Protein backbone atom coordinates (compact mmCIF):
# COMPACT_ATOMS: atom_id res chain seq x y z
CA MET A 1 50.16 -30.47 -52.37
CA GLU A 2 49.51 -27.98 -55.14
CA GLU A 3 52.05 -25.20 -55.48
CA LYS A 4 50.64 -21.74 -56.15
CA THR A 5 52.14 -19.94 -59.07
CA ASN A 6 49.61 -17.22 -59.53
CA VAL A 7 50.94 -14.01 -57.93
CA GLU A 8 47.43 -12.79 -57.09
CA GLU A 9 46.65 -16.00 -55.19
CA ILE A 10 49.87 -15.73 -53.17
CA GLN A 11 49.22 -12.05 -52.36
CA GLU A 12 45.65 -12.88 -51.33
CA GLU A 13 46.96 -15.41 -48.80
CA LYS A 14 49.40 -12.88 -47.31
CA LYS A 15 46.79 -10.17 -46.73
CA PRO A 16 46.00 -9.86 -43.03
CA GLU A 17 42.43 -10.35 -42.05
CA LYS A 18 40.69 -6.99 -41.77
CA ILE A 19 39.39 -6.17 -38.34
CA GLU A 20 36.24 -4.15 -38.44
CA GLU A 21 36.75 -0.95 -36.48
CA LYS A 22 33.75 0.51 -34.74
CA GLU A 23 33.31 4.25 -34.94
CA PRO A 24 33.29 5.72 -31.42
CA THR A 25 29.96 7.24 -30.49
CA ASN A 26 31.28 9.74 -27.94
CA ILE A 27 33.54 11.86 -30.14
CA ILE A 28 33.49 15.58 -29.38
CA ASN A 29 34.88 18.40 -31.46
CA PHE A 30 37.62 20.81 -30.40
CA LYS A 31 35.10 23.58 -29.69
CA ASP A 32 33.21 21.33 -27.24
CA PHE A 33 36.45 20.29 -25.53
CA GLY A 34 37.36 23.96 -25.16
CA LYS A 35 34.26 24.46 -23.01
CA VAL A 36 35.65 22.18 -20.28
CA GLU A 37 37.49 24.27 -17.71
CA MET A 38 40.06 22.11 -15.93
CA VAL A 39 42.24 23.71 -13.28
CA VAL A 40 44.72 22.72 -10.60
CA ALA A 41 43.16 23.00 -7.14
CA MET A 42 44.46 22.44 -3.61
CA ILE A 43 42.46 20.29 -1.21
CA LEU A 44 42.05 22.30 2.00
CA GLU A 45 39.68 20.07 4.00
CA VAL A 46 38.37 16.52 3.62
CA GLU A 47 35.58 14.75 5.47
CA LYS A 48 33.35 11.74 4.92
CA VAL A 49 29.86 12.41 3.64
CA GLU A 50 27.31 11.33 6.21
CA ASN A 51 25.48 8.07 5.37
CA ALA A 52 27.67 7.47 2.30
CA ASP A 53 30.51 4.95 2.53
CA ARG A 54 32.29 5.91 -0.70
CA LEU A 55 31.87 9.68 -0.74
CA LEU A 56 34.21 12.36 0.52
CA LYS A 57 33.43 16.06 0.81
CA LEU A 58 36.39 18.14 -0.36
CA GLU A 59 36.89 21.85 0.26
CA VAL A 60 39.24 23.08 -2.47
CA ASP A 61 41.00 26.30 -3.45
CA THR A 62 40.83 26.91 -7.23
CA GLY A 63 42.96 30.05 -7.20
CA GLU A 64 39.85 32.15 -7.82
CA ASP A 65 37.53 30.79 -5.14
CA LYS A 66 37.00 28.11 -2.55
CA ARG A 67 34.38 25.50 -3.28
CA THR A 68 33.00 22.14 -2.21
CA LEU A 69 33.24 18.97 -4.31
CA VAL A 70 31.94 15.49 -3.63
CA ALA A 71 34.08 12.60 -4.83
CA GLY A 72 33.47 8.86 -4.72
CA VAL A 73 37.00 7.91 -3.70
CA ALA A 74 36.68 7.06 0.03
CA ASP A 75 37.26 3.33 -0.58
CA TYR A 76 40.75 4.11 -1.90
CA TYR A 77 41.87 7.44 -0.41
CA SER A 78 41.79 8.50 3.23
CA THR A 79 41.23 12.05 4.41
CA GLU A 80 44.94 12.16 5.31
CA ASP A 81 45.94 11.05 1.81
CA LEU A 82 44.09 13.94 0.23
CA LYS A 83 44.36 16.94 2.55
CA GLY A 84 46.95 19.39 1.18
CA ARG A 85 47.18 17.60 -2.16
CA LYS A 86 46.95 19.33 -5.53
CA ILE A 87 44.40 17.83 -7.90
CA ILE A 88 42.80 18.59 -11.24
CA ILE A 89 39.14 19.55 -11.20
CA VAL A 90 36.50 20.28 -13.80
CA LYS A 91 35.56 23.72 -12.57
CA ASN A 92 32.60 24.53 -14.80
CA LEU A 93 30.57 21.35 -14.32
CA LYS A 94 26.93 22.03 -13.55
CA PRO A 95 26.52 22.02 -9.72
CA ALA A 96 24.75 19.03 -8.20
CA LYS A 97 23.39 18.13 -4.79
CA ILE A 98 24.87 14.78 -3.76
CA ARG A 99 23.67 13.24 -0.51
CA GLY A 100 22.67 16.67 0.70
CA VAL A 101 26.02 18.29 -0.18
CA HIS A 102 26.15 20.99 -2.86
CA SER A 103 29.01 19.90 -5.20
CA ARG A 104 30.50 22.52 -7.54
CA GLY A 105 32.85 20.58 -9.80
CA MET A 106 34.45 17.18 -10.21
CA ILE A 107 37.91 15.80 -9.57
CA LEU A 108 39.70 14.10 -12.43
CA ALA A 109 40.84 10.54 -11.84
CA ALA A 110 41.81 7.66 -14.06
CA SER A 111 39.82 4.45 -13.73
CA GLY A 112 41.62 1.13 -13.60
CA PRO A 113 40.18 -2.09 -15.07
CA ASP A 114 38.74 -2.90 -11.65
CA GLY A 115 37.07 0.52 -11.39
CA ARG A 116 39.58 1.84 -8.85
CA PRO A 117 40.14 5.60 -9.16
CA TYR A 118 43.70 6.90 -9.58
CA ILE A 119 44.10 10.59 -8.83
CA PRO A 120 47.03 12.03 -10.83
CA ILE A 121 50.02 13.42 -8.94
CA ILE A 122 50.51 17.11 -9.71
CA PRO A 123 54.02 18.54 -9.34
CA GLU A 124 54.36 20.71 -6.22
CA ASP A 125 55.52 23.73 -8.23
CA THR A 126 52.31 23.76 -10.32
CA PRO A 127 50.41 26.92 -9.36
CA ILE A 128 46.90 26.62 -7.93
CA GLY A 129 44.47 27.79 -10.59
CA ALA A 130 46.71 26.73 -13.49
CA LYS A 131 44.50 25.80 -16.45
CA LEU A 132 44.86 22.54 -18.34
CA LYS A 133 44.70 22.77 -22.09
């Protein structure tokens, strides 16, 4: 076995293999992020959306108004789990009609590797209408 004496050859062997990093395609700037209005809301009423297994219709209080949201979380959260709970919503999302229900916002939830939604727990003392920054 040949012993290496050249410092450059030894250093070359010790260099870790470079992993090519891909540049994310969905990067937004701070100004764009500032347009997203996220607030703490209280779920007042919950019901299943007719003819939709996964959808729930939520009536929420945002501190400024009461509005309806549609959320695809019925496979994982019951109406009892959600009623009276504080959640985070995107308040200024363009309204959409989902299965005949006019939805004015979106709840924030993490998505697990299996696609399961996880709605964050908001401390009870967080005021309704509090803005996330």
